[in-house]
Amino acid sequence: MSAAGERKLRIRIEQNGSAKDEANQPVDDWQLVMEKLASYRTTRGMSAVRAAQEGVPGAPQRGSWSFGYTPTGINIGMRVNWNGNYYDIIDIKHDHVSRKWTDLVVDG
């Protein structure tokens, strides 16, 4: 939901591949799906207050990455990589009416 001029952070959207080790166990094999210029917003208002009141040390920070409308190619379970900081995608919201933005709700 940000204007194009506010999208200044280059992010990588990655998915975990199907690589397995010698014991046939899955291993982390994150592969690039796409790169986007995006903006980031953290939780605000009462949501932030409730999270702080829970007092869970080390709890993930919930936020959202916003970029130009991208209706396909991104799925829950992928992650956002921004400068080596990883955010798990937990929800995807699209502006299907005016087709201006896609928001990725993330924990990271």
N, C-alpha and C. Protein backbone atom coordinates (compact mmCIF):
# COMPACT_ATOMS: atom_id res chain seq x y z
N MET A 1 0.82 -1.19 0.00
CA MET A 1 0.00 0.00 0.00
C MET A 1 0.86 1.25 0.00
N SER A 2 2.10 1.12 -0.36
CA SER A 2 2.98 2.27 -0.41
C SER A 2 3.11 2.76 -1.84
N ALA A 3 3.46 4.02 -1.96
CA ALA A 3 3.67 4.59 -3.29
C ALA A 3 4.97 4.06 -3.86
N ALA A 4 5.07 4.05 -5.17
CA ALA A 4 6.25 3.49 -5.82
C ALA A 4 7.53 4.18 -5.36
N GLY A 5 7.49 5.47 -5.09
CA GLY A 5 8.67 6.20 -4.65
C GLY A 5 9.17 5.80 -3.28
N GLU A 6 8.31 5.18 -2.47
CA GLU A 6 8.70 4.75 -1.13
C GLU A 6 9.36 3.37 -1.15
N ARG A 7 9.30 2.70 -2.25
CA ARG A 7 9.85 1.34 -2.36
C ARG A 7 11.32 1.43 -2.75
N LYS A 8 12.17 1.40 -1.73
CA LYS A 8 13.60 1.62 -1.98
C LYS A 8 14.46 0.44 -1.55
N LEU A 9 13.88 -0.57 -0.93
CA LEU A 9 14.66 -1.69 -0.41
C LEU A 9 14.58 -2.87 -1.37
N ARG A 10 15.72 -3.35 -1.81
CA ARG A 10 15.73 -4.50 -2.73
C ARG A 10 15.64 -5.78 -1.90
N ILE A 11 14.58 -6.55 -2.15
CA ILE A 11 14.39 -7.81 -1.43
C ILE A 11 14.44 -8.97 -2.41
N ARG A 12 14.75 -10.14 -1.86
CA ARG A 12 14.73 -11.38 -2.63
C ARG A 12 13.63 -12.26 -2.04
N ILE A 13 12.78 -12.78 -2.88
CA ILE A 13 11.77 -13.74 -2.44
C ILE A 13 12.31 -15.11 -2.81
N GLU A 14 12.40 -15.99 -1.81
CA GLU A 14 13.05 -17.28 -1.99
C GLU A 14 12.11 -18.42 -1.57
N GLN A 15 12.32 -19.58 -2.19
CA GLN A 15 11.60 -20.78 -1.78
C GLN A 15 12.61 -21.88 -1.49
N ASN A 16 12.22 -22.75 -0.58
CA ASN A 16 13.10 -23.86 -0.20
C ASN A 16 12.98 -24.96 -1.25
N GLY A 17 14.12 -25.38 -1.77
CA GLY A 17 14.13 -26.43 -2.79
C GLY A 17 13.90 -27.80 -2.18
N SER A 18 14.13 -28.80 -2.97
CA SER A 18 13.87 -30.17 -2.52
C SER A 18 15.15 -30.96 -2.31
N ALA A 19 16.25 -30.27 -1.99
CA ALA A 19 17.53 -30.96 -1.79
C ALA A 19 17.49 -31.82 -0.52
N LYS A 20 18.22 -32.94 -0.58
CA LYS A 20 18.31 -33.86 0.57
C LYS A 20 19.77 -34.22 0.80
N ASP A 21 20.10 -34.50 2.06
CA ASP A 21 21.47 -34.89 2.38
C ASP A 21 21.67 -36.39 2.17
N GLU A 22 22.85 -36.89 2.59
CA GLU A 22 23.19 -38.30 2.38
C GLU A 22 22.21 -39.25 3.08
N ALA A 23 21.61 -38.79 4.18
CA ALA A 23 20.65 -39.60 4.94
C ALA A 23 19.23 -39.40 4.42
N ASN A 24 19.10 -38.77 3.25
CA ASN A 24 17.80 -38.51 2.62
C ASN A 24 16.91 -37.58 3.46
N GLN A 25 17.54 -36.72 4.27
CA GLN A 25 16.81 -35.74 5.06
C GLN A 25 16.80 -34.41 4.32
N PRO A 26 15.69 -33.67 4.36
CA PRO A 26 15.66 -32.38 3.67
C PRO A 26 16.68 -31.41 4.27
N VAL A 27 17.29 -30.61 3.42
CA VAL A 27 18.23 -29.58 3.87
C VAL A 27 17.74 -28.22 3.34
N ASP A 28 18.19 -27.17 4.01
CA ASP A 28 17.85 -25.83 3.53
C ASP A 28 18.54 -25.60 2.20
N ASP A 29 17.74 -25.31 1.20
CA ASP A 29 18.23 -25.08 -0.15
C ASP A 29 17.41 -23.96 -0.76
N TRP A 30 17.55 -22.74 -0.19
CA TRP A 30 16.72 -21.62 -0.60
C TRP A 30 17.16 -21.12 -1.96
N GLN A 31 16.19 -20.97 -2.86
CA GLN A 31 16.46 -20.55 -4.23
C GLN A 31 15.66 -19.29 -4.55
N LEU A 32 16.28 -18.42 -5.32
CA LEU A 32 15.65 -17.16 -5.70
C LEU A 32 14.43 -17.40 -6.59
N VAL A 33 13.32 -16.76 -6.23
CA VAL A 33 12.11 -16.78 -7.05
C VAL A 33 12.01 -15.46 -7.83
N MET A 34 12.21 -14.34 -7.12
CA MET A 34 12.17 -13.03 -7.77
C MET A 34 12.79 -11.99 -6.85
N GLU A 35 13.18 -10.86 -7.43
CA GLU A 35 13.65 -9.71 -6.69
C GLU A 35 12.67 -8.56 -6.90
N LYS A 36 12.48 -7.76 -5.86
CA LYS A 36 11.53 -6.65 -5.92
C LYS A 36 12.10 -5.45 -5.17
N LEU A 37 11.68 -4.25 -5.56
CA LEU A 37 11.90 -3.06 -4.75
C LEU A 37 10.68 -2.91 -3.87
N ALA A 38 10.90 -2.79 -2.56
CA ALA A 38 9.79 -2.84 -1.62
C ALA A 38 9.99 -1.83 -0.49
N SER A 39 8.94 -1.66 0.29
CA SER A 39 9.01 -0.91 1.53
C SER A 39 8.57 -1.85 2.65
N TYR A 40 9.03 -1.55 3.88
CA TYR A 40 8.73 -2.41 5.03
C TYR A 40 8.00 -1.61 6.10
N ARG A 41 6.99 -2.22 6.69
CA ARG A 41 6.26 -1.62 7.80
C ARG A 41 6.19 -2.63 8.94
N THR A 42 6.35 -2.14 10.16
CA THR A 42 6.22 -3.01 11.33
C THR A 42 4.82 -2.90 11.91
N THR A 43 4.51 -3.78 12.85
CA THR A 43 3.23 -3.75 13.53
C THR A 43 3.13 -2.46 14.35
N ARG A 44 1.97 -1.84 14.31
CA ARG A 44 1.76 -0.60 15.06
C ARG A 44 0.48 -0.68 15.87
N GLY A 45 0.27 0.31 16.68
CA GLY A 45 -0.98 0.44 17.41
C GLY A 45 -1.19 -0.65 18.45
N MET A 46 -2.44 -1.06 18.61
CA MET A 46 -2.79 -2.03 19.64
C MET A 46 -2.14 -3.39 19.39
N SER A 47 -1.90 -3.74 18.17
CA SER A 47 -1.22 -5.01 17.89
C SER A 47 0.17 -5.01 18.50
N ALA A 48 0.88 -3.91 18.37
CA ALA A 48 2.22 -3.80 18.94
C ALA A 48 2.16 -3.82 20.46
N VAL A 49 1.17 -3.14 21.04
CA VAL A 49 1.03 -3.12 22.50
C VAL A 49 0.76 -4.52 23.03
N ARG A 50 -0.17 -5.26 22.38
CA ARG A 50 -0.47 -6.62 22.82
C ARG A 50 0.76 -7.52 22.73
N ALA A 51 1.52 -7.39 21.66
CA ALA A 51 2.72 -8.21 21.50
C ALA A 51 3.73 -7.90 22.60
N ALA A 52 3.88 -6.62 22.95
CA ALA A 52 4.81 -6.23 24.01
C ALA A 52 4.33 -6.74 25.37
N GLN A 53 3.01 -6.73 25.60
CA GLN A 53 2.47 -7.19 26.87
C GLN A 53 2.64 -8.69 27.06
N GLU A 54 2.66 -9.43 25.96
CA GLU A 54 2.86 -10.88 26.07
C GLU A 54 4.24 -11.17 26.63
N GLY A 55 5.18 -10.28 26.35
CA GLY A 55 6.51 -10.39 26.93
C GLY A 55 7.28 -11.64 26.56
N VAL A 56 7.03 -12.18 25.41
CA VAL A 56 7.75 -13.38 24.99
C VAL A 56 9.12 -12.94 24.47
N PRO A 57 10.21 -13.30 25.19
CA PRO A 57 11.52 -12.89 24.71
C PRO A 57 11.86 -13.57 23.39
N GLY A 58 12.41 -12.80 22.49
CA GLY A 58 12.83 -13.37 21.21
C GLY A 58 11.67 -13.67 20.27
N ALA A 59 10.46 -13.18 20.59
CA ALA A 59 9.32 -13.42 19.71
C ALA A 59 9.56 -12.74 18.37
N PRO A 60 9.16 -13.37 17.28
CA PRO A 60 9.40 -12.76 15.98
C PRO A 60 8.66 -11.45 15.81
N GLN A 61 9.24 -10.54 15.07
CA GLN A 61 8.63 -9.26 14.77
C GLN A 61 7.74 -9.41 13.55
N ARG A 62 6.48 -9.09 13.69
CA ARG A 62 5.56 -9.17 12.56
C ARG A 62 5.55 -7.84 11.83
N GLY A 63 5.52 -7.91 10.52
CA GLY A 63 5.49 -6.72 9.70
C GLY A 63 4.99 -7.07 8.32
N SER A 64 5.16 -6.15 7.38
CA SER A 64 4.76 -6.45 6.01
C SER A 64 5.68 -5.75 5.02
N TRP A 65 5.91 -6.44 3.92
CA TRP A 65 6.67 -5.90 2.79
C TRP A 65 5.66 -5.56 1.70
N SER A 66 5.77 -4.37 1.13
CA SER A 66 4.85 -3.93 0.10
C SER A 66 5.63 -3.61 -1.17
N PHE A 67 5.09 -4.05 -2.31
CA PHE A 67 5.71 -3.78 -3.61
C PHE A 67 4.63 -3.81 -4.68
N GLY A 68 5.02 -3.57 -5.91
CA GLY A 68 4.07 -3.52 -7.02
C GLY A 68 3.28 -4.80 -7.17
N TYR A 69 2.08 -4.67 -7.67
CA TYR A 69 1.13 -5.78 -7.83
C TYR A 69 1.78 -6.98 -8.51
N THR A 70 1.78 -8.10 -7.81
CA THR A 70 2.36 -9.35 -8.31
C THR A 70 1.41 -10.48 -7.91
N PRO A 71 0.41 -10.79 -8.74
CA PRO A 71 -0.64 -11.73 -8.33
C PRO A 71 -0.23 -13.20 -8.36
N THR A 72 0.89 -13.54 -8.97
CA THR A 72 1.29 -14.95 -9.04
C THR A 72 2.77 -15.11 -8.71
N GLY A 73 3.15 -16.33 -8.38
CA GLY A 73 4.56 -16.65 -8.18
C GLY A 73 5.03 -16.61 -6.75
N ILE A 74 4.19 -16.15 -5.82
CA ILE A 74 4.58 -16.07 -4.41
C ILE A 74 3.60 -16.90 -3.60
N ASN A 75 4.13 -17.71 -2.67
CA ASN A 75 3.28 -18.57 -1.85
C ASN A 75 3.65 -18.46 -0.38
N ILE A 76 2.69 -18.75 0.48
CA ILE A 76 2.96 -18.86 1.91
C ILE A 76 3.97 -19.99 2.09
N GLY A 77 4.94 -19.80 2.97
CA GLY A 77 6.00 -20.77 3.17
C GLY A 77 7.30 -20.34 2.53
N MET A 78 7.22 -19.39 1.60
CA MET A 78 8.44 -18.80 1.05
C MET A 78 8.97 -17.82 2.09
N ARG A 79 10.10 -17.19 1.78
CA ARG A 79 10.65 -16.20 2.70
C ARG A 79 11.15 -14.99 1.92
N VAL A 80 11.27 -13.88 2.65
CA VAL A 80 11.88 -12.67 2.13
C VAL A 80 13.29 -12.59 2.71
N ASN A 81 14.26 -12.33 1.85
CA ASN A 81 15.64 -12.14 2.26
C ASN A 81 16.00 -10.70 1.96
N TRP A 82 16.26 -9.94 3.01
CA TRP A 82 16.70 -8.56 2.85
C TRP A 82 18.03 -8.41 3.56
N ASN A 83 19.10 -8.30 2.78
CA ASN A 83 20.45 -8.14 3.32
C ASN A 83 20.80 -9.20 4.35
N GLY A 84 20.41 -10.44 4.11
CA GLY A 84 20.72 -11.52 5.04
C GLY A 84 19.78 -11.63 6.23
N ASN A 85 18.76 -10.78 6.28
CA ASN A 85 17.72 -10.89 7.31
C ASN A 85 16.55 -11.63 6.68
N TYR A 86 16.06 -12.66 7.35
CA TYR A 86 15.05 -13.53 6.77
C TYR A 86 13.70 -13.34 7.45
N TYR A 87 12.65 -13.29 6.64
CA TYR A 87 11.29 -13.09 7.10
C TYR A 87 10.41 -14.17 6.47
N ASP A 88 9.74 -14.96 7.30
CA ASP A 88 8.85 -16.01 6.80
C ASP A 88 7.53 -15.39 6.34
N ILE A 89 7.10 -15.73 5.13
CA ILE A 89 5.84 -15.22 4.60
C ILE A 89 4.69 -16.02 5.21
N ILE A 90 3.80 -15.32 5.93
CA ILE A 90 2.68 -16.01 6.58
C ILE A 90 1.33 -15.66 5.97
N ASP A 91 1.28 -14.59 5.15
CA ASP A 91 0.05 -14.23 4.46
C ASP A 91 0.39 -13.32 3.28
N ILE A 92 -0.47 -13.33 2.28
CA ILE A 92 -0.26 -12.53 1.08
C ILE A 92 -1.56 -11.78 0.80
N LYS A 93 -1.45 -10.47 0.61
CA LYS A 93 -2.62 -9.64 0.32
C LYS A 93 -2.36 -8.89 -0.99
N HIS A 94 -3.35 -8.93 -1.88
CA HIS A 94 -3.25 -8.28 -3.18
C HIS A 94 -4.32 -7.21 -3.33
N ASP A 95 -3.99 -6.15 -4.04
CA ASP A 95 -4.94 -5.12 -4.41
C ASP A 95 -5.54 -5.53 -5.76
N HIS A 96 -6.54 -6.40 -5.72
CA HIS A 96 -7.13 -6.91 -6.96
C HIS A 96 -8.01 -5.87 -7.67
N VAL A 97 -8.40 -4.81 -6.96
CA VAL A 97 -9.27 -3.81 -7.58
C VAL A 97 -8.46 -2.86 -8.46
N SER A 98 -7.50 -2.14 -7.87
CA SER A 98 -6.73 -1.18 -8.67
C SER A 98 -5.40 -1.75 -9.15
N ARG A 99 -5.05 -2.94 -8.67
CA ARG A 99 -3.84 -3.65 -9.11
C ARG A 99 -2.58 -2.80 -8.97
N LYS A 100 -2.43 -2.20 -7.78
CA LYS A 100 -1.26 -1.35 -7.54
C LYS A 100 -0.25 -1.97 -6.59
N TRP A 101 -0.67 -2.85 -5.67
CA TRP A 101 0.27 -3.35 -4.68
C TRP A 101 -0.01 -4.79 -4.29
N THR A 102 1.03 -5.42 -3.78
CA THR A 102 0.96 -6.71 -3.10
C THR A 102 1.66 -6.53 -1.77
N ASP A 103 1.07 -7.02 -0.70
CA ASP A 103 1.68 -6.99 0.64
C ASP A 103 1.95 -8.41 1.08
N LEU A 104 3.16 -8.63 1.63
CA LEU A 104 3.51 -9.91 2.23
C LEU A 104 3.54 -9.70 3.74
N VAL A 105 2.68 -10.37 4.48
CA VAL A 105 2.70 -10.33 5.93
C VAL A 105 3.75 -11.35 6.36
N VAL A 106 4.69 -10.90 7.22
CA VAL A 106 5.84 -11.74 7.55
C VAL A 106 6.11 -11.77 9.05
N ASP A 107 6.77 -12.84 9.47
CA ASP A 107 7.39 -12.94 10.80
C ASP A 107 8.88 -12.98 10.56
N GLY A 108 9.62 -12.25 11.38
CA GLY A 108 11.05 -12.29 11.16
C GLY A 108 11.83 -11.75 12.30
